[in-house]
Amino acid sequence: MNLEQFESMDPVILLSMVNMKIRDEFGDLDNLVKFYDIDKAKLVKKLSDAGFDYLVEAKQFR
């Protein structure tokens, strides 16, 4: 599944994919959203609505 369709994804699967891609490929959230050309605020809100917050110092959602 591709992150460009993140708005229709299950939030738990999205959480797992985003954290894995940040860890393995992009280093931080800003690089990930820039690469996929997705709206950072919408991504953060979708995960926040599911109870997950982005921790800048940890570079992951928890």
PDB file of N, CA and C in Angstrom:
ATOM      1  N   MET A   1       0.847  -1.181   0.000  1.00  0.00           N
ATOM      2  CA  MET A   1       0.000   0.000   0.000  1.00  0.00           C
ATOM      3  C   MET A   1       0.892   1.245   0.000  1.00  0.00           C
ATOM      4  N   ASN A   2       0.458   2.234  -0.727  1.00  0.00           N
ATOM      5  CA  ASN A   2       1.249   3.447  -0.894  1.00  0.00           C
ATOM      6  C   ASN A   2       0.756   4.553   0.034  1.00  0.00           C
ATOM      7  N   LEU A   3       1.667   5.330   0.547  1.00  0.00           N
ATOM      8  CA  LEU A   3       1.302   6.387   1.496  1.00  0.00           C
ATOM      9  C   LEU A   3       0.516   7.533   0.869  1.00  0.00           C
ATOM     10  N   GLU A   4       0.515   7.645  -0.457  1.00  0.00           N
ATOM     11  CA  GLU A   4      -0.270   8.710  -1.076  1.00  0.00           C
ATOM     12  C   GLU A   4      -1.761   8.565  -0.768  1.00  0.00           C
ATOM     13  N   GLN A   5      -2.214   7.354  -0.458  1.00  0.00           N
ATOM     14  CA  GLN A   5      -3.612   7.122  -0.110  1.00  0.00           C
ATOM     15  C   GLN A   5      -3.801   7.002   1.402  1.00  0.00           C
ATOM     16  N   PHE A   6      -2.978   7.670   2.179  1.00  0.00           N
ATOM     17  CA  PHE A   6      -3.008   7.525   3.635  1.00  0.00           C
ATOM     18  C   PHE A   6      -4.364   7.868   4.249  1.00  0.00           C
ATOM     19  N   GLU A   7      -5.109   8.765   3.622  1.00  0.00           N
ATOM     20  CA  GLU A   7      -6.381   9.200   4.210  1.00  0.00           C
ATOM     21  C   GLU A   7      -7.406   8.073   4.302  1.00  0.00           C
ATOM     22  N   SER A   8      -7.295   7.070   3.442  1.00  0.00           N
ATOM     23  CA  SER A   8      -8.250   5.963   3.467  1.00  0.00           C
ATOM     24  C   SER A   8      -7.714   4.728   4.208  1.00  0.00           C
ATOM     25  N   MET A   9      -6.508   4.826   4.741  1.00  0.00           N
ATOM     26  CA  MET A   9      -5.881   3.681   5.400  1.00  0.00           C
ATOM     27  C   MET A   9      -6.344   3.521   6.845  1.00  0.00           C
ATOM     28  N   ASP A  10      -6.304   2.290   7.313  1.00  0.00           N
ATOM     29  CA  ASP A  10      -6.519   2.012   8.734  1.00  0.00           C
ATOM     30  C   ASP A  10      -5.415   2.719   9.520  1.00  0.00           C
ATOM     31  N   PRO A  11      -5.754   3.460  10.582  1.00  0.00           N
ATOM     32  CA  PRO A  11      -4.743   4.243  11.294  1.00  0.00           C
ATOM     33  C   PRO A  11      -3.633   3.407  11.934  1.00  0.00           C
ATOM     34  N   VAL A  12      -3.919   2.196  12.367  1.00  0.00           N
ATOM     35  CA  VAL A  12      -2.875   1.376  12.995  1.00  0.00           C
ATOM     36  C   VAL A  12      -1.874   0.888  11.944  1.00  0.00           C
ATOM     37  N   ILE A  13      -2.376   0.516  10.780  1.00  0.00           N
ATOM     38  CA  ILE A  13      -1.481   0.123   9.687  1.00  0.00           C
ATOM     39  C   ILE A  13      -0.671   1.332   9.225  1.00  0.00           C
ATOM     40  N   LEU A  14      -1.329   2.479   9.118  1.00  0.00           N
ATOM     41  CA  LEU A  14      -0.648   3.713   8.740  1.00  0.00           C
ATOM     42  C   LEU A  14       0.457   4.045   9.738  1.00  0.00           C
ATOM     43  N   LEU A  15       0.163   3.947  11.004  1.00  0.00           N
ATOM     44  CA  LEU A  15       1.165   4.204  12.051  1.00  0.00           C
ATOM     45  C   LEU A  15       2.393   3.324  11.835  1.00  0.00           C
ATOM     46  N   SER A  16       2.166   2.053  11.637  1.00  0.00           N
ATOM     47  CA  SER A  16       3.264   1.110  11.449  1.00  0.00           C
ATOM     48  C   SER A  16       4.089   1.464  10.211  1.00  0.00           C
ATOM     49  N   MET A  17       3.407   1.749   9.109  1.00  0.00           N
ATOM     50  CA  MET A  17       4.115   2.093   7.868  1.00  0.00           C
ATOM     51  C   MET A  17       4.917   3.378   8.004  1.00  0.00           C
ATOM     52  N   VAL A  18       4.300   4.395   8.572  1.00  0.00           N
ATOM     53  CA  VAL A  18       4.977   5.691   8.702  1.00  0.00           C
ATOM     54  C   VAL A  18       6.206   5.557   9.602  1.00  0.00           C
ATOM     55  N   ASN A  19       6.059   4.929  10.749  1.00  0.00           N
ATOM     56  CA  ASN A  19       7.207   4.784  11.648  1.00  0.00           C
ATOM     57  C   ASN A  19       8.324   3.961  11.008  1.00  0.00           C
ATOM     58  N   MET A  20       7.963   2.898  10.286  1.00  0.00           N
ATOM     59  CA  MET A  20       8.965   2.074   9.626  1.00  0.00           C
ATOM     60  C   MET A  20       9.698   2.877   8.550  1.00  0.00           C
ATOM     61  N   LYS A  21       8.954   3.625   7.751  1.00  0.00           N
ATOM     62  CA  LYS A  21       9.581   4.401   6.682  1.00  0.00           C
ATOM     63  C   LYS A  21      10.451   5.521   7.235  1.00  0.00           C
ATOM     64  N   ILE A  22      10.017   6.163   8.311  1.00  0.00           N
ATOM     65  CA  ILE A  22      10.859   7.190   8.934  1.00  0.00           C
ATOM     66  C   ILE A  22      12.155   6.553   9.429  1.00  0.00           C
ATOM     67  N   ARG A  23      12.023   5.437  10.118  1.00  0.00           N
ATOM     68  CA  ARG A  23      13.200   4.756  10.675  1.00  0.00           C
ATOM     69  C   ARG A  23      14.139   4.234   9.587  1.00  0.00           C
ATOM     70  N   ASP A  24      13.587   3.580   8.568  1.00  0.00           N
ATOM     71  CA  ASP A  24      14.420   2.880   7.594  1.00  0.00           C
ATOM     72  C   ASP A  24      14.839   3.701   6.379  1.00  0.00           C
ATOM     73  N   GLU A  25      14.050   4.726   6.031  1.00  0.00           N
ATOM     74  CA  GLU A  25      14.314   5.413   4.771  1.00  0.00           C
ATOM     75  C   GLU A  25      14.492   6.931   4.861  1.00  0.00           C
ATOM     76  N   PHE A  26      13.740   7.597   5.745  1.00  0.00           N
ATOM     77  CA  PHE A  26      13.661   9.054   5.652  1.00  0.00           C
ATOM     78  C   PHE A  26      14.282   9.836   6.803  1.00  0.00           C
ATOM     79  N   GLY A  27      14.436   9.253   7.964  1.00  0.00           N
ATOM     80  CA  GLY A  27      15.081   9.950   9.078  1.00  0.00           C
ATOM     81  C   GLY A  27      14.160  10.833   9.891  1.00  0.00           C
ATOM     82  N   ASP A  28      13.165  11.454   9.254  1.00  0.00           N
ATOM     83  CA  ASP A  28      12.195  12.259  10.004  1.00  0.00           C
ATOM     84  C   ASP A  28      10.921  12.446   9.181  1.00  0.00           C
ATOM     85  N   LEU A  29       9.907  12.951   9.839  1.00  0.00           N
ATOM     86  CA  LEU A  29       8.592  13.111   9.211  1.00  0.00           C
ATOM     87  C   LEU A  29       8.625  14.095   8.045  1.00  0.00           C
ATOM     88  N   ASP A  30       9.391  15.168   8.175  1.00  0.00           N
ATOM     89  CA  ASP A  30       9.436  16.171   7.112  1.00  0.00           C
ATOM     90  C   ASP A  30       9.948  15.589   5.797  1.00  0.00           C
ATOM     91  N   ASN A  31      10.983  14.768   5.865  1.00  0.00           N
ATOM     92  CA  ASN A  31      11.506  14.147   4.643  1.00  0.00           C
ATOM     93  C   ASN A  31      10.499  13.177   4.037  1.00  0.00           C
ATOM     94  N   LEU A  32       9.781  12.449   4.868  1.00  0.00           N
ATOM     95  CA  LEU A  32       8.781  11.503   4.381  1.00  0.00           C
ATOM     96  C   LEU A  32       7.658  12.221   3.636  1.00  0.00           C
ATOM     97  N   VAL A  33       7.084  13.264   4.238  1.00  0.00           N
ATOM     98  CA  VAL A  33       5.959  13.957   3.583  1.00  0.00           C
ATOM     99  C   VAL A  33       6.418  14.682   2.321  1.00  0.00           C
ATOM    100  N   LYS A  34       7.650  15.166   2.324  1.00  0.00           N
ATOM    101  CA  LYS A  34       8.174  15.835   1.136  1.00  0.00           C
ATOM    102  C   LYS A  34       8.326  14.824  -0.009  1.00  0.00           C
ATOM    103  N   PHE A  35       8.871  13.660   0.276  1.00  0.00           N
ATOM    104  CA  PHE A  35       9.072  12.632  -0.740  1.00  0.00           C
ATOM    105  C   PHE A  35       7.747  12.189  -1.357  1.00  0.00           C
ATOM    106  N   TYR A  36       6.747  11.935  -0.518  1.00  0.00           N
ATOM    107  CA  TYR A  36       5.447  11.459  -0.997  1.00  0.00           C
ATOM    108  C   TYR A  36       4.513  12.594  -1.406  1.00  0.00           C
ATOM    109  N   ASP A  37       4.944  13.839  -1.197  1.00  0.00           N
ATOM    110  CA  ASP A  37       4.133  15.012  -1.527  1.00  0.00           C
ATOM    111  C   ASP A  37       2.742  14.913  -0.904  1.00  0.00           C
ATOM    112  N   ILE A  38       2.733  14.668   0.411  1.00  0.00           N
ATOM    113  CA  ILE A  38       1.466  14.589   1.136  1.00  0.00           C
ATOM    114  C   ILE A  38       1.385  15.711   2.168  1.00  0.00           C
ATOM    115  N   ASP A  39       0.185  16.027   2.571  1.00  0.00           N
ATOM    116  CA  ASP A  39      -0.072  17.103   3.522  1.00  0.00           C
ATOM    117  C   ASP A  39       0.286  16.638   4.937  1.00  0.00           C
ATOM    118  N   LYS A  40       1.324  17.210   5.483  1.00  0.00           N
ATOM    119  CA  LYS A  40       1.806  16.818   6.811  1.00  0.00           C
ATOM    120  C   LYS A  40       0.731  17.012   7.870  1.00  0.00           C
ATOM    121  N   ALA A  41       0.025  18.125   7.828  1.00  0.00           N
ATOM    122  CA  ALA A  41      -1.004  18.412   8.830  1.00  0.00           C
ATOM    123  C   ALA A  41      -2.117  17.364   8.791  1.00  0.00           C
ATOM    124  N   LYS A  42      -2.513  16.950   7.594  1.00  0.00           N
ATOM    125  CA  LYS A  42      -3.565  15.923   7.475  1.00  0.00           C
ATOM    126  C   LYS A  42      -3.088  14.574   7.999  1.00  0.00           C
ATOM    127  N   LEU A  43      -1.848  14.225   7.705  1.00  0.00           N
ATOM    128  CA  LEU A  43      -1.285  12.970   8.198  1.00  0.00           C
ATOM    129  C   LEU A  43      -1.206  12.979   9.717  1.00  0.00           C
ATOM    130  N   VAL A  44      -0.687  14.052  10.275  1.00  0.00           N
ATOM    131  CA  VAL A  44      -0.570  14.170  11.729  1.00  0.00           C
ATOM    132  C   VAL A  44      -1.950  14.132  12.375  1.00  0.00           C
ATOM    133  N   LYS A  45      -2.930  14.817  11.776  1.00  0.00           N
ATOM    134  CA  LYS A  45      -4.287  14.822  12.339  1.00  0.00           C
ATOM    135  C   LYS A  45      -4.908  13.438  12.309  1.00  0.00           C
ATOM    136  N   LYS A  46      -4.762  12.727  11.194  1.00  0.00           N
ATOM    137  CA  LYS A  46      -5.339  11.378  11.098  1.00  0.00           C
ATOM    138  C   LYS A  46      -4.778  10.487  12.199  1.00  0.00           C
ATOM    139  N   LEU A  47      -3.476  10.529  12.403  1.00  0.00           N
ATOM    140  CA  LEU A  47      -2.873   9.692  13.448  1.00  0.00           C
ATOM    141  C   LEU A  47      -3.201  10.218  14.842  1.00  0.00           C
ATOM    142  N   SER A  48      -3.281  11.519  14.995  1.00  0.00           N
ATOM    143  CA  SER A  48      -3.650  12.107  16.278  1.00  0.00           C
ATOM    144  C   SER A  48      -5.082  11.732  16.665  1.00  0.00           C
ATOM    145  N   ASP A  49      -5.982  11.751  15.693  1.00  0.00           N
ATOM    146  CA  ASP A  49      -7.373  11.368  15.948  1.00  0.00           C
ATOM    147  C   ASP A  49      -7.473   9.912  16.416  1.00  0.00           C
ATOM    148  N   ALA A  50      -6.497   9.104  16.028  1.00  0.00           N
ATOM    149  CA  ALA A  50      -6.465   7.692  16.443  1.00  0.00           C
ATOM    150  C   ALA A  50      -5.701   7.506  17.756  1.00  0.00           C
ATOM    151  N   GLY A  51      -5.205   8.624  18.319  1.00  0.00           N
ATOM    152  CA  GLY A  51      -4.530   8.551  19.614  1.00  0.00           C
ATOM    153  C   GLY A  51      -3.017   8.521  19.554  1.00  0.00           C
ATOM    154  N   PHE A  52      -2.441   8.801  18.392  1.00  0.00           N
ATOM    155  CA  PHE A  52      -0.985   8.761  18.236  1.00  0.00           C
ATOM    156  C   PHE A  52      -0.446  10.162  17.983  1.00  0.00           C
ATOM    157  N   ASP A  53       0.589  10.525  18.713  1.00  0.00           N
ATOM    158  CA  ASP A  53       1.228  11.836  18.547  1.00  0.00           C
ATOM    159  C   ASP A  53       2.646  11.653  18.028  1.00  0.00           C
ATOM    160  N   TYR A  54       3.096  12.619  17.218  1.00  0.00           N
ATOM    161  CA  TYR A  54       4.463  12.571  16.705  1.00  0.00           C
ATOM    162  C   TYR A  54       5.405  13.153  17.746  1.00  0.00           C
ATOM    163  N   LEU A  55       6.405  12.383  18.115  1.00  0.00           N
ATOM    164  CA  LEU A  55       7.421  12.831  19.060  1.00  0.00           C
ATOM    165  C   LEU A  55       8.674  13.174  18.266  1.00  0.00           C
ATOM    166  N   VAL A  56       8.944  14.473  18.148  1.00  0.00           N
ATOM    167  CA  VAL A  56      10.053  14.949  17.320  1.00  0.00           C
ATOM    168  C   VAL A  56      11.369  14.340  17.783  1.00  0.00           C
ATOM    169  N   GLU A  57      11.610  14.331  19.084  1.00  0.00           N
ATOM    170  CA  GLU A  57      12.887  13.832  19.582  1.00  0.00           C
ATOM    171  C   GLU A  57      13.069  12.335  19.327  1.00  0.00           C
ATOM    172  N   ALA A  58      11.983  11.580  19.293  1.00  0.00           N
ATOM    173  CA  ALA A  58      12.050  10.139  19.024  1.00  0.00           C
ATOM    174  C   ALA A  58      11.924   9.841  17.530  1.00  0.00           C
ATOM    175  N   LYS A  59      11.466  10.836  16.769  1.00  0.00           N
ATOM    176  CA  LYS A  59      11.243  10.700  15.327  1.00  0.00           C
ATOM    177  C   LYS A  59      10.295   9.543  15.024  1.00  0.00           C
ATOM    178  N   GLN A  60       9.178   9.495  15.776  1.00  0.00           N
ATOM    179  CA  GLN A  60       8.156   8.489  15.526  1.00  0.00           C
ATOM    180  C   GLN A  60       6.843   8.884  16.188  1.00  0.00           C
ATOM    181  N   PHE A  61       5.792   8.243  15.717  1.00  0.00           N
ATOM    182  CA  PHE A  61       4.481   8.418  16.336  1.00  0.00           C
ATOM    183  C   PHE A  61       4.341   7.379  17.442  1.00  0.00           C
ATOM    184  N   ARG A  62       3.735   7.785  18.532  1.00  0.00           N
ATOM    185  CA  ARG A  62       3.452   6.866  19.649  1.00  0.00           C
ATOM    186  C   ARG A  62       2.093   7.177  20.201  1.00  0.00           C
TER     187      ARG A  62
END
